[in-house]
Amino acid sequence: MNEHKNYKDYLDKTFLEELNYKIWTTKGSRFNANKRLLRVSKLSNLANSMLSVYLIAIGLLSVYNIYNNGFMTQNVLPYLMTCISILLLLFTQIENSKNYQLKAKEFHTCGIELSKIYNKLRVFKTLKEDSSKKEKENFAIEISTEYEAILEKYENHDPIDFDLFKTRNAGYFELNKIECYWIKLRFYFKSQFGFHFLIVIPPILIIFLIMKK
């Protein structure tokens, strides 16, 4: 994409150039969506497993009497375990309903299909620069139709996937380092922070309950 001086130039060029830009960015965004959902799927499974372990650990506090009297009475601990069990069940059902793996596969398939028509377009631009106006028009309509047909088959990616794509082509999209870091930070909080929180915070609370006097 180095032939463009900046990402706004495509608006002033031919329809083929516009299609080139749209397919390129959509393809990259869909592959990013695939990677994001695969990562989220792994973290979701890990969080589910770890929360189950933490729930067992809290139950063992009562079995081995490893907690202090006061706030953590014999009635409070079972109540907390019941509440956490309900929350874990709800969390598991919600996460399972999101079908991360299936959506990730669909985004990857979409990216592959877009790659095919993108390559076709690039070959046409490279090998048929002297094509007639009519031939270019027919080809543009054909590619546009294929592009729209592909988009109709799949769910749209999240805007953060496109933002992340821009950070990987920062020079083209005229992004500075601060803007790139901000996008990556938003990406982290949107896709990973919640799971990391669920994995890290519970053991800290368990240790706090054990050590609290």
N, C-alpha and C. Protein backbone atom coordinates (compact mmCIF):
# COMPACT_ATOMS: atom_id res chain seq x y z
N MET A 1 0.81 -1.21 0.00
CA MET A 1 0.00 0.00 0.00
C MET A 1 0.85 1.27 0.00
N ASN A 2 2.12 1.13 -0.30
CA ASN A 2 3.00 2.29 -0.23
C ASN A 2 2.75 3.27 -1.36
N GLU A 3 1.92 2.87 -2.35
CA GLU A 3 1.69 3.80 -3.45
C GLU A 3 0.86 5.00 -3.00
N HIS A 4 0.18 4.90 -1.84
CA HIS A 4 -0.62 5.99 -1.32
C HIS A 4 0.22 6.82 -0.36
N LYS A 5 0.14 8.10 -0.48
CA LYS A 5 0.86 8.96 0.45
C LYS A 5 0.14 9.03 1.79
N ASN A 6 -1.18 8.99 1.79
CA ASN A 6 -1.92 8.88 3.03
C ASN A 6 -3.26 8.21 2.75
N TYR A 7 -3.90 7.76 3.82
CA TYR A 7 -5.08 6.91 3.68
C TYR A 7 -6.29 7.62 3.10
N LYS A 8 -6.28 8.96 2.99
CA LYS A 8 -7.42 9.69 2.44
C LYS A 8 -7.35 9.82 0.92
N ASP A 9 -6.21 9.46 0.35
CA ASP A 9 -6.02 9.64 -1.09
C ASP A 9 -6.98 8.81 -1.93
N TYR A 10 -7.40 7.66 -1.41
CA TYR A 10 -8.23 6.77 -2.22
C TYR A 10 -9.55 7.43 -2.62
N LEU A 11 -10.00 8.40 -1.82
CA LEU A 11 -11.25 9.08 -2.13
C LEU A 11 -11.16 9.91 -3.41
N ASP A 12 -9.95 10.30 -3.76
CA ASP A 12 -9.74 11.12 -4.95
C ASP A 12 -9.30 10.30 -6.15
N LYS A 13 -9.27 8.98 -6.00
CA LYS A 13 -8.80 8.12 -7.08
C LYS A 13 -9.97 7.37 -7.71
N THR A 14 -9.66 6.36 -8.52
CA THR A 14 -10.69 5.61 -9.23
C THR A 14 -11.45 4.68 -8.29
N PHE A 15 -12.54 4.13 -8.80
CA PHE A 15 -13.34 3.20 -8.01
C PHE A 15 -12.54 1.95 -7.68
N LEU A 16 -11.65 1.53 -8.59
CA LEU A 16 -10.79 0.39 -8.31
C LEU A 16 -9.88 0.66 -7.13
N GLU A 17 -9.36 1.89 -7.06
CA GLU A 17 -8.51 2.26 -5.93
C GLU A 17 -9.32 2.25 -4.63
N GLU A 18 -10.54 2.71 -4.70
CA GLU A 18 -11.41 2.71 -3.52
C GLU A 18 -11.69 1.27 -3.09
N LEU A 19 -11.98 0.38 -4.07
CA LEU A 19 -12.20 -1.02 -3.74
C LEU A 19 -10.95 -1.64 -3.14
N ASN A 20 -9.81 -1.28 -3.69
CA ASN A 20 -8.54 -1.79 -3.20
C ASN A 20 -8.38 -1.46 -1.72
N TYR A 21 -8.69 -0.21 -1.36
CA TYR A 21 -8.59 0.25 0.03
C TYR A 21 -9.59 -0.48 0.92
N LYS A 22 -10.84 -0.56 0.48
CA LYS A 22 -11.88 -1.19 1.30
C LYS A 22 -11.58 -2.65 1.57
N ILE A 23 -11.20 -3.39 0.53
CA ILE A 23 -10.94 -4.82 0.70
C ILE A 23 -9.71 -5.03 1.58
N TRP A 24 -8.69 -4.23 1.37
CA TRP A 24 -7.46 -4.35 2.16
C TRP A 24 -7.73 -4.13 3.65
N THR A 25 -8.44 -3.06 3.97
CA THR A 25 -8.71 -2.75 5.38
C THR A 25 -9.69 -3.74 6.00
N THR A 26 -10.71 -4.14 5.25
CA THR A 26 -11.69 -5.09 5.79
C THR A 26 -11.04 -6.44 6.03
N LYS A 27 -10.21 -6.86 5.07
CA LYS A 27 -9.49 -8.14 5.21
C LYS A 27 -8.63 -8.14 6.47
N GLY A 28 -7.88 -7.09 6.66
CA GLY A 28 -7.02 -7.00 7.84
C GLY A 28 -7.82 -6.96 9.13
N SER A 29 -8.94 -6.25 9.12
CA SER A 29 -9.79 -6.15 10.31
C SER A 29 -10.41 -7.49 10.67
N ARG A 30 -10.82 -8.26 9.64
CA ARG A 30 -11.44 -9.56 9.90
C ARG A 30 -10.41 -10.54 10.48
N PHE A 31 -9.18 -10.49 10.00
CA PHE A 31 -8.14 -11.35 10.57
C PHE A 31 -7.84 -10.94 12.01
N ASN A 32 -7.87 -9.64 12.29
CA ASN A 32 -7.69 -9.17 13.67
C ASN A 32 -8.82 -9.66 14.56
N ALA A 33 -10.04 -9.64 14.03
CA ALA A 33 -11.20 -10.12 14.80
C ALA A 33 -11.03 -11.59 15.12
N ASN A 34 -10.52 -12.36 14.17
CA ASN A 34 -10.26 -13.78 14.39
C ASN A 34 -9.26 -13.98 15.53
N LYS A 35 -8.16 -13.27 15.51
CA LYS A 35 -7.15 -13.40 16.55
C LYS A 35 -7.67 -12.94 17.90
N ARG A 36 -8.45 -11.86 17.90
CA ARG A 36 -9.00 -11.34 19.16
C ARG A 36 -9.94 -12.36 19.80
N LEU A 37 -10.82 -12.95 19.01
CA LEU A 37 -11.79 -13.90 19.56
C LEU A 37 -11.13 -15.20 20.00
N LEU A 38 -10.09 -15.63 19.31
CA LEU A 38 -9.36 -16.82 19.75
C LEU A 38 -8.70 -16.57 21.09
N ARG A 39 -8.13 -15.37 21.25
CA ARG A 39 -7.51 -15.00 22.52
C ARG A 39 -8.55 -14.91 23.63
N VAL A 40 -9.68 -14.29 23.31
CA VAL A 40 -10.77 -14.16 24.28
C VAL A 40 -11.30 -15.53 24.68
N SER A 41 -11.41 -16.44 23.72
CA SER A 41 -11.89 -17.79 24.00
C SER A 41 -10.98 -18.50 25.00
N LYS A 42 -9.68 -18.40 24.78
CA LYS A 42 -8.72 -19.03 25.70
C LYS A 42 -8.81 -18.43 27.09
N LEU A 43 -8.91 -17.10 27.15
CA LEU A 43 -9.00 -16.43 28.45
C LEU A 43 -10.31 -16.76 29.15
N SER A 44 -11.38 -16.87 28.38
CA SER A 44 -12.68 -17.21 28.95
C SER A 44 -12.66 -18.60 29.58
N ASN A 45 -12.08 -19.57 28.86
CA ASN A 45 -11.96 -20.92 29.40
C ASN A 45 -11.07 -20.96 30.63
N LEU A 46 -9.98 -20.20 30.59
CA LEU A 46 -9.07 -20.15 31.73
C LEU A 46 -9.75 -19.52 32.94
N ALA A 47 -10.49 -18.43 32.70
CA ALA A 47 -11.20 -17.76 33.79
C ALA A 47 -12.24 -18.68 34.42
N ASN A 48 -12.98 -19.42 33.58
CA ASN A 48 -13.96 -20.37 34.10
C ASN A 48 -13.30 -21.43 34.97
N SER A 49 -12.19 -21.96 34.49
CA SER A 49 -11.48 -23.00 35.24
C SER A 49 -10.93 -22.47 36.56
N MET A 50 -10.32 -21.29 36.50
CA MET A 50 -9.72 -20.72 37.70
C MET A 50 -10.78 -20.33 38.72
N LEU A 51 -11.92 -19.81 38.27
CA LEU A 51 -12.98 -19.46 39.21
C LEU A 51 -13.52 -20.70 39.91
N SER A 52 -13.58 -21.81 39.20
CA SER A 52 -14.01 -23.07 39.82
C SER A 52 -13.02 -23.50 40.89
N VAL A 53 -11.74 -23.34 40.59
CA VAL A 53 -10.69 -23.68 41.56
C VAL A 53 -10.79 -22.77 42.79
N TYR A 54 -11.02 -21.48 42.55
CA TYR A 54 -11.12 -20.54 43.66
C TYR A 54 -12.33 -20.86 44.54
N LEU A 55 -13.42 -21.28 43.91
CA LEU A 55 -14.61 -21.64 44.66
C LEU A 55 -14.33 -22.82 45.58
N ILE A 56 -13.60 -23.82 45.07
CA ILE A 56 -13.21 -24.96 45.89
C ILE A 56 -12.31 -24.52 47.03
N ALA A 57 -11.38 -23.60 46.71
CA ALA A 57 -10.45 -23.10 47.73
C ALA A 57 -11.19 -22.40 48.86
N ILE A 58 -12.22 -21.61 48.51
CA ILE A 58 -13.01 -20.93 49.54
C ILE A 58 -13.75 -21.95 50.40
N GLY A 59 -14.25 -23.00 49.77
CA GLY A 59 -14.94 -24.05 50.52
C GLY A 59 -14.01 -24.73 51.51
N LEU A 60 -12.74 -24.90 51.12
CA LEU A 60 -11.78 -25.54 52.00
C LEU A 60 -11.44 -24.69 53.21
N LEU A 61 -11.67 -23.38 53.11
CA LEU A 61 -11.45 -22.53 54.28
C LEU A 61 -12.33 -22.98 55.44
N SER A 62 -13.56 -23.36 55.09
CA SER A 62 -14.49 -23.83 56.12
C SER A 62 -14.13 -25.23 56.61
N VAL A 63 -13.74 -26.09 55.67
CA VAL A 63 -13.40 -27.47 56.03
C VAL A 63 -12.23 -27.52 57.02
N TYR A 64 -11.21 -26.72 56.73
CA TYR A 64 -10.01 -26.73 57.57
C TYR A 64 -9.98 -25.60 58.59
N ASN A 65 -11.11 -24.86 58.65
CA ASN A 65 -11.22 -23.77 59.62
C ASN A 65 -10.09 -22.75 59.47
N ILE A 66 -9.75 -22.45 58.20
CA ILE A 66 -8.65 -21.51 57.93
C ILE A 66 -9.23 -20.13 57.66
N TYR A 67 -9.87 -19.58 58.64
CA TYR A 67 -10.35 -18.22 58.53
C TYR A 67 -10.61 -17.70 59.94
N ASN A 68 -10.67 -16.39 60.07
CA ASN A 68 -10.83 -15.78 61.37
C ASN A 68 -12.30 -15.56 61.69
N ASN A 69 -12.62 -15.62 62.94
CA ASN A 69 -13.96 -15.29 63.37
C ASN A 69 -14.20 -13.79 63.23
N GLY A 70 -15.41 -13.39 63.34
CA GLY A 70 -15.75 -11.98 63.13
C GLY A 70 -16.64 -11.89 61.92
N PHE A 71 -16.13 -11.25 60.88
CA PHE A 71 -16.93 -11.14 59.65
C PHE A 71 -17.16 -12.51 59.02
N MET A 72 -16.09 -13.32 58.97
CA MET A 72 -16.18 -14.64 58.32
C MET A 72 -16.72 -15.66 59.31
N THR A 73 -18.00 -15.60 59.64
CA THR A 73 -18.63 -16.56 60.53
C THR A 73 -19.00 -17.82 59.74
N GLN A 74 -19.48 -18.82 60.44
CA GLN A 74 -19.84 -20.08 59.78
C GLN A 74 -21.02 -19.90 58.82
N ASN A 75 -21.84 -18.89 59.05
CA ASN A 75 -22.98 -18.64 58.17
C ASN A 75 -22.59 -17.81 56.94
N VAL A 76 -21.66 -16.89 57.13
CA VAL A 76 -21.27 -15.99 56.05
C VAL A 76 -20.54 -16.74 54.95
N LEU A 77 -19.66 -17.66 55.32
CA LEU A 77 -18.86 -18.36 54.32
C LEU A 77 -19.71 -19.20 53.37
N PRO A 78 -20.63 -20.01 53.88
CA PRO A 78 -21.52 -20.75 52.95
C PRO A 78 -22.37 -19.82 52.08
N TYR A 79 -22.79 -18.70 52.65
CA TYR A 79 -23.57 -17.73 51.87
C TYR A 79 -22.75 -17.18 50.71
N LEU A 80 -21.50 -16.83 51.00
CA LEU A 80 -20.61 -16.33 49.96
C LEU A 80 -20.37 -17.39 48.89
N MET A 81 -20.19 -18.63 49.31
CA MET A 81 -19.97 -19.71 48.34
C MET A 81 -21.17 -19.90 47.44
N THR A 82 -22.37 -19.80 48.02
CA THR A 82 -23.59 -19.94 47.22
C THR A 82 -23.71 -18.82 46.20
N CYS A 83 -23.43 -17.59 46.64
CA CYS A 83 -23.50 -16.43 45.73
C CYS A 83 -22.48 -16.56 44.61
N ILE A 84 -21.26 -16.97 44.96
CA ILE A 84 -20.21 -17.12 43.96
C ILE A 84 -20.55 -18.24 42.99
N SER A 85 -21.14 -19.31 43.50
CA SER A 85 -21.54 -20.44 42.63
C SER A 85 -22.57 -19.99 41.60
N ILE A 86 -23.53 -19.19 42.04
CA ILE A 86 -24.56 -18.68 41.13
C ILE A 86 -23.93 -17.76 40.08
N LEU A 87 -23.05 -16.89 40.53
CA LEU A 87 -22.36 -15.97 39.61
C LEU A 87 -21.51 -16.74 38.61
N LEU A 88 -20.82 -17.78 39.08
CA LEU A 88 -19.99 -18.59 38.19
C LEU A 88 -20.85 -19.30 37.14
N LEU A 89 -22.00 -19.83 37.58
CA LEU A 89 -22.91 -20.50 36.64
C LEU A 89 -23.41 -19.52 35.59
N LEU A 90 -23.79 -18.32 36.03
CA LEU A 90 -24.28 -17.30 35.11
C LEU A 90 -23.18 -16.87 34.14
N PHE A 91 -21.98 -16.67 34.67
CA PHE A 91 -20.83 -16.26 33.85
C PHE A 91 -20.54 -17.33 32.79
N THR A 92 -20.58 -18.61 33.20
CA THR A 92 -20.30 -19.70 32.28
C THR A 92 -21.32 -19.76 31.16
N GLN A 93 -22.59 -19.61 31.51
CA GLN A 93 -23.65 -19.66 30.50
C GLN A 93 -23.53 -18.50 29.51
N ILE A 94 -23.24 -17.32 30.03
CA ILE A 94 -23.10 -16.15 29.15
C ILE A 94 -21.92 -16.32 28.20
N GLU A 95 -20.79 -16.77 28.74
CA GLU A 95 -19.59 -16.95 27.92
C GLU A 95 -19.79 -18.04 26.87
N ASN A 96 -20.42 -19.14 27.26
CA ASN A 96 -20.65 -20.23 26.30
C ASN A 96 -21.58 -19.80 25.17
N SER A 97 -22.52 -18.91 25.48
CA SER A 97 -23.49 -18.46 24.47
C SER A 97 -22.85 -17.56 23.42
N LYS A 98 -21.68 -17.05 23.69
CA LYS A 98 -21.04 -16.12 22.75
C LYS A 98 -20.32 -16.82 21.60
N ASN A 99 -20.09 -18.12 21.72
CA ASN A 99 -19.53 -18.91 20.61
C ASN A 99 -18.27 -18.27 20.01
N TYR A 100 -17.30 -17.99 20.86
CA TYR A 100 -16.08 -17.33 20.41
C TYR A 100 -15.38 -18.11 19.30
N GLN A 101 -15.25 -19.42 19.48
CA GLN A 101 -14.53 -20.23 18.51
C GLN A 101 -15.20 -20.21 17.14
N LEU A 102 -16.53 -20.34 17.14
CA LEU A 102 -17.28 -20.33 15.88
C LEU A 102 -17.14 -18.99 15.17
N LYS A 103 -17.30 -17.90 15.92
CA LYS A 103 -17.19 -16.57 15.32
C LYS A 103 -15.78 -16.31 14.81
N ALA A 104 -14.78 -16.78 15.56
CA ALA A 104 -13.39 -16.61 15.14
C ALA A 104 -13.15 -17.33 13.81
N LYS A 105 -13.69 -18.53 13.69
CA LYS A 105 -13.53 -19.30 12.44
C LYS A 105 -14.21 -18.59 11.28
N GLU A 106 -15.39 -18.02 11.53
CA GLU A 106 -16.11 -17.30 10.47
C GLU A 106 -15.33 -16.07 10.01
N PHE A 107 -14.75 -15.34 10.96
CA PHE A 107 -13.96 -14.17 10.59
C PHE A 107 -12.73 -14.58 9.79
N HIS A 108 -12.12 -15.71 10.16
CA HIS A 108 -10.94 -16.18 9.42
C HIS A 108 -11.34 -16.57 7.99
N THR A 109 -12.46 -17.27 7.87
CA THR A 109 -12.94 -17.66 6.54
C THR A 109 -13.25 -16.43 5.70
N CYS A 110 -13.87 -15.44 6.33
CA CYS A 110 -14.17 -14.19 5.62
C CYS A 110 -12.89 -13.52 5.15
N GLY A 111 -11.88 -13.50 6.02
CA GLY A 111 -10.59 -12.90 5.64
C GLY A 111 -9.95 -13.61 4.47
N ILE A 112 -10.06 -14.94 4.44
CA ILE A 112 -9.51 -15.73 3.33
C ILE A 112 -10.23 -15.39 2.02
N GLU A 113 -11.56 -15.31 2.08
CA GLU A 113 -12.33 -14.99 0.88
C GLU A 113 -12.01 -13.58 0.38
N LEU A 114 -11.85 -12.64 1.31
CA LEU A 114 -11.48 -11.28 0.91
C LEU A 114 -10.07 -11.25 0.32
N SER A 115 -9.19 -12.08 0.86
CA SER A 115 -7.82 -12.13 0.33
C SER A 115 -7.81 -12.57 -1.13
N LYS A 116 -8.69 -13.49 -1.47
CA LYS A 116 -8.75 -13.99 -2.85
C LYS A 116 -9.14 -12.89 -3.83
N ILE A 117 -10.20 -12.13 -3.49
CA ILE A 117 -10.60 -11.08 -4.43
C ILE A 117 -9.62 -9.90 -4.38
N TYR A 118 -8.96 -9.72 -3.24
CA TYR A 118 -7.94 -8.67 -3.15
C TYR A 118 -6.77 -9.00 -4.06
N ASN A 119 -6.34 -10.26 -4.03
CA ASN A 119 -5.25 -10.69 -4.91
C ASN A 119 -5.65 -10.58 -6.38
N LYS A 120 -6.90 -10.93 -6.68
CA LYS A 120 -7.40 -10.81 -8.05
C LYS A 120 -7.34 -9.35 -8.51
N LEU A 121 -7.73 -8.46 -7.61
CA LEU A 121 -7.71 -7.04 -7.95
C LEU A 121 -6.29 -6.54 -8.17
N ARG A 122 -5.37 -6.98 -7.29
CA ARG A 122 -3.97 -6.55 -7.41
C ARG A 122 -3.35 -7.05 -8.72
N VAL A 123 -3.68 -8.29 -9.08
CA VAL A 123 -3.16 -8.85 -10.33
C VAL A 123 -3.68 -8.05 -11.53
N PHE A 124 -4.96 -7.72 -11.49
CA PHE A 124 -5.55 -6.94 -12.59
C PHE A 124 -4.87 -5.58 -12.70
N LYS A 125 -4.67 -4.91 -11.57
CA LYS A 125 -4.03 -3.59 -11.59
C LYS A 125 -2.60 -3.66 -12.09
N THR A 126 -1.93 -4.75 -11.77
CA THR A 126 -0.51 -4.89 -12.13
C THR A 126 -0.32 -5.30 -13.59
N LEU A 127 -1.13 -6.26 -14.04
CA LEU A 127 -0.92 -6.84 -15.38
C LEU A 127 -1.76 -6.20 -16.46
N LYS A 128 -2.81 -5.47 -16.09
CA LYS A 128 -3.69 -4.91 -17.10
C LYS A 128 -3.86 -3.40 -16.93
N GLU A 129 -2.73 -2.73 -16.75
CA GLU A 129 -2.76 -1.27 -16.58
C GLU A 129 -3.29 -0.57 -17.83
N ASP A 130 -3.10 -1.18 -19.00
CA ASP A 130 -3.52 -0.55 -20.25
C ASP A 130 -4.91 -1.03 -20.71
N SER A 131 -5.67 -1.62 -19.79
CA SER A 131 -7.01 -2.11 -20.14
C SER A 131 -7.91 -0.94 -20.52
N SER A 132 -8.90 -1.24 -21.34
CA SER A 132 -9.84 -0.21 -21.75
C SER A 132 -10.71 0.22 -20.58
N LYS A 133 -11.32 1.38 -20.71
CA LYS A 133 -12.19 1.90 -19.66
C LYS A 133 -13.35 0.94 -19.39
N LYS A 134 -13.89 0.35 -20.45
CA LYS A 134 -15.01 -0.57 -20.31
C LYS A 134 -14.60 -1.83 -19.56
N GLU A 135 -13.40 -2.34 -19.87
CA GLU A 135 -12.91 -3.54 -19.20
C GLU A 135 -12.69 -3.28 -17.72
N LYS A 136 -12.13 -2.10 -17.41
CA LYS A 136 -11.93 -1.75 -16.00
C LYS A 136 -13.26 -1.59 -15.28
N GLU A 137 -14.21 -1.02 -15.97
CA GLU A 137 -15.53 -0.82 -15.37
C GLU A 137 -16.19 -2.16 -15.05
N ASN A 138 -16.14 -3.09 -16.00
CA ASN A 138 -16.73 -4.41 -15.79
C ASN A 138 -16.04 -5.16 -14.65
N PHE A 139 -14.72 -5.04 -14.62
CA PHE A 139 -13.97 -5.73 -13.56
C PHE A 139 -14.30 -5.14 -12.19
N ALA A 140 -14.40 -3.82 -12.13
CA ALA A 140 -14.72 -3.14 -10.87
C ALA A 140 -16.09 -3.57 -10.36
N ILE A 141 -17.05 -3.66 -11.26
CA ILE A 141 -18.40 -4.10 -10.88
C ILE A 141 -18.37 -5.54 -10.37
N GLU A 142 -17.59 -6.38 -11.05
CA GLU A 142 -17.48 -7.79 -10.65
C GLU A 142 -16.88 -7.92 -9.25
N ILE A 143 -15.78 -7.21 -9.01
CA ILE A 143 -15.12 -7.26 -7.70
C ILE A 143 -16.01 -6.68 -6.62
N SER A 144 -16.68 -5.58 -6.95
CA SER A 144 -17.57 -4.94 -5.98
C SER A 144 -18.71 -5.87 -5.58
N THR A 145 -19.25 -6.58 -6.56
CA THR A 145 -20.35 -7.51 -6.30
C THR A 145 -19.87 -8.66 -5.41
N GLU A 146 -18.69 -9.19 -5.71
CA GLU A 146 -18.13 -10.26 -4.89
C GLU A 146 -17.85 -9.77 -3.47
N TYR A 147 -17.34 -8.56 -3.36
CA TYR A 147 -17.03 -7.97 -2.05
C TYR A 147 -18.29 -7.83 -1.20
N GLU A 148 -19.34 -7.29 -1.80
CA GLU A 148 -20.60 -7.11 -1.08
C GLU A 148 -21.21 -8.46 -0.70
N ALA A 149 -21.08 -9.44 -1.57
CA ALA A 149 -21.64 -10.77 -1.29
C ALA A 149 -20.93 -11.40 -0.10
N ILE A 150 -19.64 -11.21 -0.02
CA ILE A 150 -18.87 -11.75 1.11
C ILE A 150 -19.29 -11.08 2.41
N LEU A 151 -19.42 -9.75 2.39
CA LEU A 151 -19.80 -9.02 3.60
C LEU A 151 -21.18 -9.44 4.09
N GLU A 152 -22.09 -9.74 3.17
CA GLU A 152 -23.44 -10.14 3.57
C GLU A 152 -23.47 -11.49 4.26
N LYS A 153 -22.47 -12.31 4.02
CA LYS A 153 -22.45 -13.67 4.57
C LYS A 153 -21.99 -13.71 6.02
N TYR A 154 -21.27 -12.68 6.44
CA TYR A 154 -20.64 -12.75 7.76
C TYR A 154 -21.00 -11.54 8.63
N GLU A 155 -20.89 -11.77 9.93
CA GLU A 155 -21.10 -10.70 10.91
C GLU A 155 -19.99 -9.66 10.77
N ASN A 156 -20.32 -8.40 11.05
CA ASN A 156 -19.32 -7.34 10.95
C ASN A 156 -18.34 -7.43 12.12
N HIS A 157 -17.12 -7.02 11.87
CA HIS A 157 -16.12 -7.01 12.93
C HIS A 157 -16.34 -5.82 13.87
N ASP A 158 -15.68 -5.86 15.00
CA ASP A 158 -15.78 -4.77 15.97
C ASP A 158 -14.90 -3.60 15.49
N PRO A 159 -15.31 -2.35 15.75
CA PRO A 159 -14.49 -1.20 15.35
C PRO A 159 -13.07 -1.25 15.88
N ILE A 160 -12.88 -1.87 17.07
CA ILE A 160 -11.53 -1.93 17.64
C ILE A 160 -10.60 -2.78 16.79
N ASP A 161 -11.16 -3.72 16.01
CA ASP A 161 -10.34 -4.55 15.13
C ASP A 161 -9.74 -3.71 14.00
N PHE A 162 -10.54 -2.78 13.49
CA PHE A 162 -10.04 -1.87 12.46
C PHE A 162 -9.02 -0.90 13.06
N ASP A 163 -9.28 -0.43 14.28
CA ASP A 163 -8.34 0.48 14.93
C ASP A 163 -6.99 -0.21 15.14
N LEU A 164 -7.03 -1.48 15.53
CA LEU A 164 -5.78 -2.21 15.72
C LEU A 164 -5.07 -2.40 14.39
N PHE A 165 -5.82 -2.63 13.34
CA PHE A 165 -5.24 -2.74 12.00
C PHE A 165 -4.50 -1.46 11.64
N LYS A 166 -5.07 -0.33 12.01
CA LYS A 166 -4.43 0.96 11.71
C LYS A 166 -3.10 1.10 12.44
N THR A 167 -3.00 0.58 13.68
CA THR A 167 -1.74 0.69 14.42
C THR A 167 -0.64 -0.10 13.75
N ARG A 168 -1.02 -1.16 13.03
CA ARG A 168 -0.02 -1.99 12.34
C ARG A 168 0.37 -1.39 10.99
N ASN A 169 -0.31 -0.34 10.62
CA ASN A 169 0.04 0.43 9.42
C ASN A 169 0.03 1.91 9.79
N ALA A 170 0.70 2.20 10.90
CA ALA A 170 0.64 3.54 11.50
C ALA A 170 1.10 4.64 10.55
N GLY A 171 2.14 4.36 9.77
CA GLY A 171 2.63 5.36 8.83
C GLY A 171 1.60 5.72 7.78
N TYR A 172 0.92 4.71 7.28
CA TYR A 172 -0.09 4.92 6.25
C TYR A 172 -1.28 5.73 6.79
N PHE A 173 -1.69 5.42 8.02
CA PHE A 173 -2.84 6.10 8.61
C PHE A 173 -2.46 7.33 9.44
N GLU A 174 -1.19 7.69 9.37
CA GLU A 174 -0.69 8.91 10.01
C GLU A 174 -0.97 8.92 11.52
N LEU A 175 -0.66 7.80 12.17
CA LEU A 175 -0.84 7.70 13.62
C LEU A 175 0.51 7.85 14.31
N ASN A 176 0.54 8.64 15.37
CA ASN A 176 1.77 8.74 16.15
C ASN A 176 1.80 7.66 17.22
N LYS A 177 2.89 7.58 17.98
CA LYS A 177 3.05 6.51 18.96
C LYS A 177 2.00 6.58 20.06
N ILE A 178 1.67 7.78 20.49
CA ILE A 178 0.67 7.94 21.56
C ILE A 178 -0.68 7.41 21.10
N GLU A 179 -1.06 7.73 19.87
CA GLU A 179 -2.34 7.25 19.34
C GLU A 179 -2.35 5.73 19.22
N CYS A 180 -1.22 5.15 18.83
CA CYS A 180 -1.11 3.69 18.72
C CYS A 180 -1.22 3.04 20.10
N TYR A 181 -0.52 3.61 21.09
CA TYR A 181 -0.58 3.06 22.45
C TYR A 181 -2.00 3.16 23.01
N TRP A 182 -2.68 4.25 22.72
CA TRP A 182 -4.04 4.43 23.22
C TRP A 182 -5.00 3.39 22.61
N ILE A 183 -4.85 3.13 21.33
CA ILE A 183 -5.68 2.12 20.67
C ILE A 183 -5.40 0.74 21.26
N LYS A 184 -4.12 0.42 21.45
CA LYS A 184 -3.77 -0.89 22.00
C LYS A 184 -4.26 -1.03 23.44
N LEU A 185 -4.26 0.07 24.20
CA LEU A 185 -4.77 0.04 25.56
C LEU A 185 -6.28 -0.21 25.56
N ARG A 186 -7.00 0.47 24.65
CA ARG A 186 -8.45 0.24 24.54
C ARG A 186 -8.74 -1.19 24.11
N PHE A 187 -7.90 -1.70 23.22
CA PHE A 187 -8.06 -3.08 22.76
C PHE A 187 -7.90 -4.06 23.94
N TYR A 188 -6.91 -3.79 24.79
CA TYR A 188 -6.67 -4.66 25.95
C TYR A 188 -7.85 -4.63 26.91
N PHE A 189 -8.34 -3.44 27.23
CA PHE A 189 -9.44 -3.33 28.18
C PHE A 189 -10.73 -3.93 27.60
N LYS A 190 -10.88 -3.85 26.31
CA LYS A 190 -12.10 -4.37 25.69
C LYS A 190 -12.09 -5.89 25.58
N SER A 191 -10.93 -6.49 25.38
CA SER A 191 -10.88 -7.92 25.08
C SER A 191 -10.24 -8.79 26.16
N GLN A 192 -9.42 -8.21 27.06
CA GLN A 192 -8.67 -9.06 27.98
C GLN A 192 -8.74 -8.66 29.45
N PHE A 193 -8.91 -7.39 29.74
CA PHE A 193 -8.82 -6.92 31.11
C PHE A 193 -9.79 -7.63 32.05
N GLY A 194 -11.06 -7.78 31.63
CA GLY A 194 -12.07 -8.40 32.48
C GLY A 194 -11.68 -9.82 32.89
N PHE A 195 -11.13 -10.59 31.97
CA PHE A 195 -10.71 -11.96 32.29
C PHE A 195 -9.50 -11.97 33.21
N HIS A 196 -8.54 -11.09 32.94
CA HIS A 196 -7.37 -11.00 33.82
C HIS A 196 -7.79 -10.62 35.24
N PHE A 197 -8.77 -9.74 35.33
CA PHE A 197 -9.29 -9.34 36.65
C PHE A 197 -9.86 -10.54 37.39
N LEU A 198 -10.67 -11.34 36.69
CA LEU A 198 -11.29 -12.50 37.31
C LEU A 198 -10.27 -13.56 37.70
N ILE A 199 -9.17 -13.61 36.99
CA ILE A 199 -8.13 -14.60 37.27
C ILE A 199 -7.23 -14.16 38.42
N VAL A 200 -6.94 -12.87 38.51
CA VAL A 200 -5.95 -12.38 39.47
C VAL A 200 -6.55 -11.97 40.81
N ILE A 201 -7.70 -11.30 40.81
CA ILE A 201 -8.26 -10.73 42.04
C ILE A 201 -8.74 -11.77 43.06
N PRO A 202 -9.48 -12.83 42.67
CA PRO A 202 -9.96 -13.80 43.66
C PRO A 202 -8.90 -14.39 44.58
N PRO A 203 -7.73 -14.85 44.06
CA PRO A 203 -6.73 -15.39 45.00
C PRO A 203 -6.21 -14.34 45.98
N ILE A 204 -6.18 -13.09 45.54
CA ILE A 204 -5.76 -12.02 46.45
C ILE A 204 -6.77 -11.88 47.58
N LEU A 205 -8.05 -11.97 47.23
CA LEU A 205 -9.10 -11.89 48.26
C LEU A 205 -9.06 -13.09 49.21
N ILE A 206 -8.78 -14.27 48.66
CA ILE A 206 -8.70 -15.47 49.49
C ILE A 206 -7.55 -15.34 50.49
N ILE A 207 -6.41 -14.87 50.01
CA ILE A 207 -5.26 -14.66 50.89
C ILE A 207 -5.60 -13.62 51.96
N PHE A 208 -6.32 -12.59 51.53
CA PHE A 208 -6.74 -11.54 52.49
C PHE A 208 -7.63 -12.13 53.59
N LEU A 209 -8.55 -13.03 53.21
CA LEU A 209 -9.43 -13.64 54.21
C LEU A 209 -8.66 -14.52 55.17
N ILE A 210 -7.63 -15.19 54.65
CA ILE A 210 -6.82 -16.08 55.50
C ILE A 210 -5.95 -15.27 56.46
N MET A 211 -5.37 -14.18 55.95
CA MET A 211 -4.42 -13.41 56.74
C MET A 211 -5.08 -12.39 57.65
N LYS A 212 -6.34 -12.03 57.35
CA LYS A 212 -7.01 -10.98 58.11
C LYS A 212 -7.22 -11.42 59.56
N LYS A 213 -6.92 -10.53 60.45
CA LYS A 213 -7.08 -10.82 61.88
C LYS A 213 -8.18 -9.93 62.46
